Amino acid sequence: MQETRKTDRYLTLRTGKISFPGAPNGMDCAVLNVSRTGACLLVPANAAVPDQFDLTIDHERAVRSCRRVWHDGSRIGLEFLAVPTPKKV
């Protein structure tokens, strides 16, 4: 498989929450790796994740707008769309 990432990703084992209209409480996920431009998430099997959503990584004070780039089973590759915005407290 040819590498197409724009920047290096770093392994991490963190948790997060995916938010989008229709999911009032959000969807829990695991953050497998992350870079300045994107990440790979592990979501529940058969989860219906839209093409665009917000991601909050636990213990970070920001919400990131994301675009799903690929989906393989319960793994999702995403691209960050903008600079993270501060999380509302």
PDB file of N, CA and C in Angstrom:
ATOM      1  N   MET A   1       0.836  -1.174   0.000  1.00  0.00           N
ATOM      2  CA  MET A   1       0.000   0.000   0.000  1.00  0.00           C
ATOM      3  C   MET A   1       0.887   1.245   0.000  1.00  0.00           C
ATOM      4  N   GLN A   2       0.591   2.177  -0.884  1.00  0.00           N
ATOM      5  CA  GLN A   2       1.388   3.391  -0.989  1.00  0.00           C
ATOM      6  C   GLN A   2       0.972   4.398   0.082  1.00  0.00           C
ATOM      7  N   GLU A   3       1.955   5.011   0.722  1.00  0.00           N
ATOM      8  CA  GLU A   3       1.715   6.000   1.766  1.00  0.00           C
ATOM      9  C   GLU A   3       1.287   7.319   1.121  1.00  0.00           C
ATOM     10  N   THR A   4       0.138   7.866   1.542  1.00  0.00           N
ATOM     11  CA  THR A   4      -0.349   9.114   0.973  1.00  0.00           C
ATOM     12  C   THR A   4      -0.557  10.205   2.020  1.00  0.00           C
ATOM     13  N   ARG A   5      -0.132   9.979   3.241  1.00  0.00           N
ATOM     14  CA  ARG A   5      -0.294  10.982   4.294  1.00  0.00           C
ATOM     15  C   ARG A   5       0.591  12.189   4.026  1.00  0.00           C
ATOM     16  N   LYS A   6       0.067  13.365   4.403  1.00  0.00           N
ATOM     17  CA  LYS A   6       0.803  14.611   4.211  1.00  0.00           C
ATOM     18  C   LYS A   6       1.848  14.818   5.300  1.00  0.00           C
ATOM     19  N   THR A   7       1.578  14.331   6.508  1.00  0.00           N
ATOM     20  CA  THR A   7       2.505  14.494   7.630  1.00  0.00           C
ATOM     21  C   THR A   7       2.581  13.186   8.410  1.00  0.00           C
ATOM     22  N   ASP A   8       3.641  13.021   9.191  1.00  0.00           N
ATOM     23  CA  ASP A   8       3.810  11.817   9.995  1.00  0.00           C
ATOM     24  C   ASP A   8       2.734  11.735  11.070  1.00  0.00           C
ATOM     25  N   ARG A   9       2.271  10.522  11.314  1.00  0.00           N
ATOM     26  CA  ARG A   9       1.319  10.300  12.404  1.00  0.00           C
ATOM     27  C   ARG A   9       2.031   9.590  13.533  1.00  0.00           C
ATOM     28  N   TYR A  10       1.540   9.833  14.751  1.00  0.00           N
ATOM     29  CA  TYR A  10       2.148   9.262  15.940  1.00  0.00           C
ATOM     30  C   TYR A  10       1.138   8.400  16.669  1.00  0.00           C
ATOM     31  N   LEU A  11       1.561   7.189  17.032  1.00  0.00           N
ATOM     32  CA  LEU A  11       0.687   6.281  17.763  1.00  0.00           C
ATOM     33  C   LEU A  11       0.253   6.899  19.079  1.00  0.00           C
ATOM     34  N   THR A  12      -1.007   6.685  19.410  1.00  0.00           N
ATOM     35  CA  THR A  12      -1.552   7.164  20.666  1.00  0.00           C
ATOM     36  C   THR A  12      -2.677   6.231  21.064  1.00  0.00           C
ATOM     37  N   LEU A  13      -2.964   6.150  22.291  1.00  0.00           N
ATOM     38  CA  LEU A  13      -4.122   5.382  22.759  1.00  0.00           C
ATOM     39  C   LEU A  13      -4.923   6.312  23.641  1.00  0.00           C
ATOM     40  N   ARG A  14      -5.739   7.114  23.000  1.00  0.00           N
ATOM     41  CA  ARG A  14      -6.570   8.075  23.706  1.00  0.00           C
ATOM     42  C   ARG A  14      -8.017   7.820  23.342  1.00  0.00           C
ATOM     43  N   THR A  15      -8.899   8.417  24.092  1.00  0.00           N
ATOM     44  CA  THR A  15     -10.312   8.299  23.795  1.00  0.00           C
ATOM     45  C   THR A  15     -10.832   9.652  23.334  1.00  0.00           C
ATOM     46  N   GLY A  16     -11.981   9.620  22.687  1.00  0.00           N
ATOM     47  CA  GLY A  16     -12.566  10.852  22.189  1.00  0.00           C
ATOM     48  C   GLY A  16     -14.048  10.683  21.962  1.00  0.00           C
ATOM     49  N   LYS A  17     -14.648  11.741  21.421  1.00  0.00           N
ATOM     50  CA  LYS A  17     -16.074  11.719  21.142  1.00  0.00           C
ATOM     51  C   LYS A  17     -16.317  12.377  19.794  1.00  0.00           C
ATOM     52  N   ILE A  18     -17.093  11.683  18.955  1.00  0.00           N
ATOM     53  CA  ILE A  18     -17.502  12.180  17.649  1.00  0.00           C
ATOM     54  C   ILE A  18     -18.873  12.816  17.824  1.00  0.00           C
ATOM     55  N   SER A  19     -19.025  14.040  17.318  1.00  0.00           N
ATOM     56  CA  SER A  19     -20.306  14.741  17.424  1.00  0.00           C
ATOM     57  C   SER A  19     -20.799  15.124  16.039  1.00  0.00           C
ATOM     58  N   PHE A  20     -22.105  14.970  15.829  1.00  0.00           N
ATOM     59  CA  PHE A  20     -22.728  15.373  14.573  1.00  0.00           C
ATOM     60  C   PHE A  20     -24.232  15.456  14.794  1.00  0.00           C
ATOM     61  N   PRO A  21     -24.954  16.192  13.944  1.00  0.00           N
ATOM     62  CA  PRO A  21     -26.407  16.259  14.097  1.00  0.00           C
ATOM     63  C   PRO A  21     -27.008  14.852  14.038  1.00  0.00           C
ATOM     64  N   GLY A  22     -27.924  14.575  14.912  1.00  0.00           N
ATOM     65  CA  GLY A  22     -28.534  13.254  14.972  1.00  0.00           C
ATOM     66  C   GLY A  22     -27.919  12.362  16.029  1.00  0.00           C
ATOM     67  N   ALA A  23     -26.824  12.797  16.634  1.00  0.00           N
ATOM     68  CA  ALA A  23     -26.187  12.048  17.724  1.00  0.00           C
ATOM     69  C   ALA A  23     -26.072  12.999  18.917  1.00  0.00           C
ATOM     70  N   PRO A  24     -27.170  13.196  19.636  1.00  0.00           N
ATOM     71  CA  PRO A  24     -27.194  14.209  20.702  1.00  0.00           C
ATOM     72  C   PRO A  24     -26.148  14.004  21.794  1.00  0.00           C
ATOM     73  N   ASN A  25     -25.790  12.783  22.093  1.00  0.00           N
ATOM     74  CA  ASN A  25     -24.783  12.505  23.126  1.00  0.00           C
ATOM     75  C   ASN A  25     -23.409  12.210  22.537  1.00  0.00           C
ATOM     76  N   GLY A  26     -23.291  12.242  21.241  1.00  0.00           N
ATOM     77  CA  GLY A  26     -22.031  11.933  20.581  1.00  0.00           C
ATOM     78  C   GLY A  26     -21.768  10.431  20.563  1.00  0.00           C
ATOM     79  N   MET A  27     -20.672  10.059  19.941  1.00  0.00           N
ATOM     80  CA  MET A  27     -20.286   8.652  19.815  1.00  0.00           C
ATOM     81  C   MET A  27     -18.863   8.499  20.345  1.00  0.00           C
ATOM     82  N   ASP A  28     -18.664   7.587  21.282  1.00  0.00           N
ATOM     83  CA  ASP A  28     -17.327   7.339  21.819  1.00  0.00           C
ATOM     84  C   ASP A  28     -16.449   6.678  20.768  1.00  0.00           C
ATOM     85  N   CYS A  29     -15.158   6.988  20.821  1.00  0.00           N
ATOM     86  CA  CYS A  29     -14.198   6.391  19.895  1.00  0.00           C
ATOM     87  C   CYS A  29     -12.835   6.303  20.570  1.00  0.00           C
ATOM     88  N   ALA A  30     -11.950   5.542  19.961  1.00  0.00           N
ATOM     89  CA  ALA A  30     -10.550   5.483  20.394  1.00  0.00           C
ATOM     90  C   ALA A  30      -9.721   6.148  19.303  1.00  0.00           C
ATOM     91  N   VAL A  31      -8.747   6.943  19.698  1.00  0.00           N
ATOM     92  CA  VAL A  31      -7.845   7.613  18.767  1.00  0.00           C
ATOM     93  C   VAL A  31      -6.578   6.767  18.692  1.00  0.00           C
ATOM     94  N   LEU A  32      -6.368   6.125  17.542  1.00  0.00           N
ATOM     95  CA  LEU A  32      -5.240   5.204  17.388  1.00  0.00           C
ATOM     96  C   LEU A  32      -3.948   5.914  17.024  1.00  0.00           C
ATOM     97  N   ASN A  33      -4.047   6.909  16.144  1.00  0.00           N
ATOM     98  CA  ASN A  33      -2.885   7.716  15.812  1.00  0.00           C
ATOM     99  C   ASN A  33      -3.350   9.104  15.411  1.00  0.00           C
ATOM    100  N   VAL A  34      -2.436  10.052  15.471  1.00  0.00           N
ATOM    101  CA  VAL A  34      -2.800  11.445  15.193  1.00  0.00           C
ATOM    102  C   VAL A  34      -1.604  12.185  14.615  1.00  0.00           C
ATOM    103  N   SER A  35      -1.884  13.178  13.789  1.00  0.00           N
ATOM    104  CA  SER A  35      -0.857  14.063  13.244  1.00  0.00           C
ATOM    105  C   SER A  35      -1.406  15.479  13.246  1.00  0.00           C
ATOM    106  N   ARG A  36      -0.643  16.366  12.682  1.00  0.00           N
ATOM    107  CA  ARG A  36      -1.084  17.747  12.583  1.00  0.00           C
ATOM    108  C   ARG A  36      -2.266  17.868  11.623  1.00  0.00           C
ATOM    109  N   THR A  37      -2.397  16.952  10.655  1.00  0.00           N
ATOM    110  CA  THR A  37      -3.419  17.074   9.619  1.00  0.00           C
ATOM    111  C   THR A  37      -4.534  16.031   9.676  1.00  0.00           C
ATOM    112  N   GLY A  38      -4.411  14.995  10.522  1.00  0.00           N
ATOM    113  CA  GLY A  38      -5.440  13.964  10.549  1.00  0.00           C
ATOM    114  C   GLY A  38      -5.228  12.946  11.642  1.00  0.00           C
ATOM    115  N   ALA A  39      -6.065  11.900  11.606  1.00  0.00           N
ATOM    116  CA  ALA A  39      -6.009  10.866  12.635  1.00  0.00           C
ATOM    117  C   ALA A  39      -6.678   9.595  12.135  1.00  0.00           C
ATOM    118  N   CYS A  40      -6.506   8.540  12.915  1.00  0.00           N
ATOM    119  CA  CYS A  40      -7.197   7.276  12.683  1.00  0.00           C
ATOM    120  C   CYS A  40      -7.972   6.948  13.948  1.00  0.00           C
ATOM    121  N   LEU A  41      -9.266   6.650  13.784  1.00  0.00           N
ATOM    122  CA  LEU A  41     -10.134   6.356  14.918  1.00  0.00           C
ATOM    123  C   LEU A  41     -10.639   4.932  14.850  1.00  0.00           C
ATOM    124  N   LEU A  42     -10.952   4.388  15.998  1.00  0.00           N
ATOM    125  CA  LEU A  42     -11.627   3.108  16.122  1.00  0.00           C
ATOM    126  C   LEU A  42     -13.016   3.418  16.667  1.00  0.00           C
ATOM    127  N   VAL A  43     -14.050   3.015  15.928  1.00  0.00           N
ATOM    128  CA  VAL A  43     -15.436   3.300  16.312  1.00  0.00           C
ATOM    129  C   VAL A  43     -16.187   1.984  16.512  1.00  0.00           C
ATOM    130  N   PRO A  44     -17.371   2.032  17.138  1.00  0.00           N
ATOM    131  CA  PRO A  44     -18.145   0.802  17.300  1.00  0.00           C
ATOM    132  C   PRO A  44     -18.446   0.158  15.938  1.00  0.00           C
ATOM    133  N   ALA A  45     -18.494  -1.171  15.921  1.00  0.00           N
ATOM    134  CA  ALA A  45     -18.795  -1.899  14.685  1.00  0.00           C
ATOM    135  C   ALA A  45     -20.119  -1.414  14.110  1.00  0.00           C
ATOM    136  N   ASN A  46     -20.165  -1.262  12.809  1.00  0.00           N
ATOM    137  CA  ASN A  46     -21.356  -0.830  12.075  1.00  0.00           C
ATOM    138  C   ASN A  46     -21.830   0.566  12.458  1.00  0.00           C
ATOM    139  N   ALA A  47     -20.959   1.395  13.015  1.00  0.00           N
ATOM    140  CA  ALA A  47     -21.328   2.769  13.371  1.00  0.00           C
ATOM    141  C   ALA A  47     -21.546   3.580  12.094  1.00  0.00           C
ATOM    142  N   ALA A  48     -22.582   4.377  12.092  1.00  0.00           N
ATOM    143  CA  ALA A  48     -22.881   5.253  10.960  1.00  0.00           C
ATOM    144  C   ALA A  48     -22.280   6.626  11.239  1.00  0.00           C
ATOM    145  N   VAL A  49     -21.082   6.833  10.738  1.00  0.00           N
ATOM    146  CA  VAL A  49     -20.383   8.100  10.937  1.00  0.00           C
ATOM    147  C   VAL A  49     -20.506   8.901   9.641  1.00  0.00           C
ATOM    148  N   PRO A  50     -21.002  10.143   9.730  1.00  0.00           N
ATOM    149  CA  PRO A  50     -21.167  10.942   8.505  1.00  0.00           C
ATOM    150  C   PRO A  50     -19.828  11.358   7.905  1.00  0.00           C
ATOM    151  N   ASP A  51     -19.878  11.916   6.702  1.00  0.00           N
ATOM    152  CA  ASP A  51     -18.668  12.348   6.010  1.00  0.00           C
ATOM    153  C   ASP A  51     -17.956  13.484   6.744  1.00  0.00           C
ATOM    154  N   GLN A  52     -18.716  14.352   7.418  1.00  0.00           N
ATOM    155  CA  GLN A  52     -18.117  15.433   8.193  1.00  0.00           C
ATOM    156  C   GLN A  52     -18.674  15.400   9.602  1.00  0.00           C
ATOM    157  N   PHE A  53     -17.803  15.664  10.582  1.00  0.00           N
ATOM    158  CA  PHE A  53     -18.197  15.607  11.985  1.00  0.00           C
ATOM    159  C   PHE A  53     -17.190  16.381  12.815  1.00  0.00           C
ATOM    160  N   ASP A  54     -17.479  16.555  14.085  1.00  0.00           N
ATOM    161  CA  ASP A  54     -16.551  17.183  15.026  1.00  0.00           C
ATOM    162  C   ASP A  54     -15.955  16.114  15.918  1.00  0.00           C
ATOM    163  N   LEU A  55     -14.695  16.286  16.283  1.00  0.00           N
ATOM    164  CA  LEU A  55     -14.001  15.344  17.150  1.00  0.00           C
ATOM    165  C   LEU A  55     -13.431  16.093  18.345  1.00  0.00           C
ATOM    166  N   THR A  56     -13.724  15.586  19.525  1.00  0.00           N
ATOM    167  CA  THR A  56     -13.117  16.086  20.751  1.00  0.00           C
ATOM    168  C   THR A  56     -12.271  14.950  21.317  1.00  0.00           C
ATOM    169  N   ILE A  57     -10.964  15.187  21.440  1.00  0.00           N
ATOM    170  CA  ILE A  57     -10.061  14.185  22.017  1.00  0.00           C
ATOM    171  C   ILE A  57      -9.977  14.474  23.507  1.00  0.00           C
ATOM    172  N   ASP A  58     -10.219  13.452  24.317  1.00  0.00           N
ATOM    173  CA  ASP A  58     -10.205  13.635  25.767  1.00  0.00           C
ATOM    174  C   ASP A  58      -8.901  14.273  26.228  1.00  0.00           C
ATOM    175  N   HIS A  59      -9.018  15.141  27.216  1.00  0.00           N
ATOM    176  CA  HIS A  59      -7.905  15.856  27.833  1.00  0.00           C
ATOM    177  C   HIS A  59      -7.294  16.914  26.920  1.00  0.00           C
ATOM    178  N   GLU A  60      -7.980  17.256  25.826  1.00  0.00           N
ATOM    179  CA  GLU A  60      -7.580  18.394  24.996  1.00  0.00           C
ATOM    180  C   GLU A  60      -8.693  19.421  25.094  1.00  0.00           C
ATOM    181  N   ARG A  61      -8.336  20.651  25.007  1.00  0.00           N
ATOM    182  CA  ARG A  61      -9.330  21.715  25.149  1.00  0.00           C
ATOM    183  C   ARG A  61      -9.729  22.284  23.796  1.00  0.00           C
ATOM    184  N   ALA A  62      -9.985  21.402  22.837  1.00  0.00           N
ATOM    185  CA  ALA A  62     -10.341  21.858  21.500  1.00  0.00           C
ATOM    186  C   ALA A  62     -11.301  20.875  20.836  1.00  0.00           C
ATOM    187  N   VAL A  63     -12.089  21.417  19.920  1.00  0.00           N
ATOM    188  CA  VAL A  63     -12.971  20.619  19.074  1.00  0.00           C
ATOM    189  C   VAL A  63     -12.434  20.756  17.660  1.00  0.00           C
ATOM    190  N   ARG A  64     -12.269  19.627  16.975  1.00  0.00           N
ATOM    191  CA  ARG A  64     -11.720  19.652  15.622  1.00  0.00           C
ATOM    192  C   ARG A  64     -12.796  19.267  14.616  1.00  0.00           C
ATOM    193  N   SER A  65     -12.952  20.075  13.573  1.00  0.00           N
ATOM    194  CA  SER A  65     -13.834  19.729  12.460  1.00  0.00           C
ATOM    195  C   SER A  65     -13.086  18.746  11.579  1.00  0.00           C
ATOM    196  N   CYS A  66     -13.766  17.671  11.166  1.00  0.00           N
ATOM    197  CA  CYS A  66     -13.102  16.583  10.448  1.00  0.00           C
ATOM    198  C   CYS A  66     -13.881  16.168   9.204  1.00  0.00           C
ATOM    199  N   ARG A  67     -13.149  15.577   8.274  1.00  0.00           N
ATOM    200  CA  ARG A  67     -13.740  14.958   7.091  1.00  0.00           C
ATOM    201  C   ARG A  67     -13.236  13.524   7.022  1.00  0.00           C
ATOM    202  N   ARG A  68     -14.175  12.594   6.893  1.00  0.00           N
ATOM    203  CA  ARG A  68     -13.790  11.178   6.768  1.00  0.00           C
ATOM    204  C   ARG A  68     -13.154  10.958   5.404  1.00  0.00           C
ATOM    205  N   VAL A  69     -11.951  10.391   5.409  1.00  0.00           N
ATOM    206  CA  VAL A  69     -11.222  10.131   4.171  1.00  0.00           C
ATOM    207  C   VAL A  69     -11.399   8.673   3.754  1.00  0.00           C
ATOM    208  N   TRP A  70     -11.392   7.771   4.716  1.00  0.00           N
ATOM    209  CA  TRP A  70     -11.621   6.356   4.432  1.00  0.00           C
ATOM    210  C   TRP A  70     -12.265   5.690   5.638  1.00  0.00           C
ATOM    211  N   HIS A  71     -12.869   4.531   5.393  1.00  0.00           N
ATOM    212  CA  HIS A  71     -13.551   3.766   6.446  1.00  0.00           C
ATOM    213  C   HIS A  71     -13.335   2.290   6.113  1.00  0.00           C
ATOM    214  N   ASP A  72     -12.742   1.554   7.036  1.00  0.00           N
ATOM    215  CA  ASP A  72     -12.456   0.133   6.822  1.00  0.00           C
ATOM    216  C   ASP A  72     -12.900  -0.621   8.069  1.00  0.00           C
ATOM    217  N   GLY A  73     -14.078  -1.208   8.018  1.00  0.00           N
ATOM    218  CA  GLY A  73     -14.614  -1.899   9.188  1.00  0.00           C
ATOM    219  C   GLY A  73     -14.886  -0.902  10.292  1.00  0.00           C
ATOM    220  N   SER A  74     -14.222  -1.056  11.426  1.00  0.00           N
ATOM    221  CA  SER A  74     -14.446  -0.150  12.546  1.00  0.00           C
ATOM    222  C   SER A  74     -13.358   0.924  12.657  1.00  0.00           C
ATOM    223  N   ARG A  75     -12.513   1.044  11.635  1.00  0.00           N
ATOM    224  CA  ARG A  75     -11.489   2.088  11.628  1.00  0.00           C
ATOM    225  C   ARG A  75     -11.861   3.185  10.636  1.00  0.00           C
ATOM    226  N   ILE A  76     -11.595   4.430  11.037  1.00  0.00           N
ATOM    227  CA  ILE A  76     -11.883   5.587  10.186  1.00  0.00           C
ATOM    228  C   ILE A  76     -10.626   6.441  10.090  1.00  0.00           C
ATOM    229  N   GLY A  77     -10.257   6.793   8.866  1.00  0.00           N
ATOM    230  CA  GLY A  77      -9.182   7.753   8.654  1.00  0.00           C
ATOM    231  C   GLY A  77      -9.808   9.105   8.387  1.00  0.00           C
ATOM    232  N   LEU A  78      -9.290  10.132   9.025  1.00  0.00           N
ATOM    233  CA  LEU A  78      -9.903  11.451   8.872  1.00  0.00           C
ATOM    234  C   LEU A  78      -8.865  12.524   8.641  1.00  0.00           C
ATOM    235  N   GLU A  79      -9.345  13.621   8.080  1.00  0.00           N
ATOM    236  CA  GLU A  79      -8.530  14.802   7.845  1.00  0.00           C
ATOM    237  C   GLU A  79      -9.124  15.931   8.670  1.00  0.00           C
ATOM    238  N   PHE A  80      -8.267  16.682   9.361  1.00  0.00           N
ATOM    239  CA  PHE A  80      -8.727  17.852  10.090  1.00  0.00           C
ATOM    240  C   PHE A  80      -8.974  18.962   9.075  1.00  0.00           C
ATOM    241  N   LEU A  81     -10.118  19.641   9.188  1.00  0.00           N
ATOM    242  CA  LEU A  81     -10.494  20.653   8.211  1.00  0.00           C
ATOM    243  C   LEU A  81     -10.036  22.057   8.573  1.00  0.00           C
ATOM    244  N   ALA A  82      -9.818  22.315   9.834  1.00  0.00           N
ATOM    245  CA  ALA A  82      -9.460  23.666  10.251  1.00  0.00           C
ATOM    246  C   ALA A  82      -8.667  23.613  11.546  1.00  0.00           C
ATOM    247  N   VAL A  83      -8.219  24.762  11.960  1.00  0.00           N
ATOM    248  CA  VAL A  83      -7.533  24.890  13.241  1.00  0.00           C
ATOM    249  C   VAL A  83      -8.542  24.551  14.340  1.00  0.00           C
ATOM    250  N   PRO A  84      -8.145  23.791  15.364  1.00  0.00           N
ATOM    251  CA  PRO A  84      -9.080  23.437  16.431  1.00  0.00           C
ATOM    252  C   PRO A  84      -9.666  24.675  17.116  1.00  0.00           C
ATOM    253  N   THR A  85     -10.939  24.587  17.481  1.00  0.00           N
ATOM    254  CA  THR A  85     -11.581  25.672  18.210  1.00  0.00           C
ATOM    255  C   THR A  85     -11.653  25.308  19.682  1.00  0.00           C
ATOM    256  N   PRO A  86     -11.518  26.290  20.568  1.00  0.00           N
ATOM    257  CA  PRO A  86     -11.583  25.990  22.001  1.00  0.00           C
ATOM    258  C   PRO A  86     -12.900  25.321  22.369  1.00  0.00           C
ATOM    259  N   LYS A  87     -12.803  24.327  23.256  1.00  0.00           N
ATOM    260  CA  LYS A  87     -13.992  23.591  23.718  1.00  0.00           C
ATOM    261  C   LYS A  87     -14.766  24.471  24.685  1.00  0.00           C
ATOM    262  N   LYS A  88     -16.103  24.466  24.538  1.00  0.00           N
ATOM    263  CA  LYS A  88     -16.951  25.198  25.473  1.00  0.00           C
ATOM    264  C   LYS A  88     -16.971  24.489  26.804  1.00  0.00           C
ATOM    265  N   VAL A  89     -16.822  25.217  27.875  1.00  0.00           N
ATOM    266  CA  VAL A  89     -16.766  24.613  29.200  1.00  0.00           C
ATOM    267  C   VAL A  89     -18.096  24.696  29.892  1.00  0.00           C
TER     268      VAL A  89
END
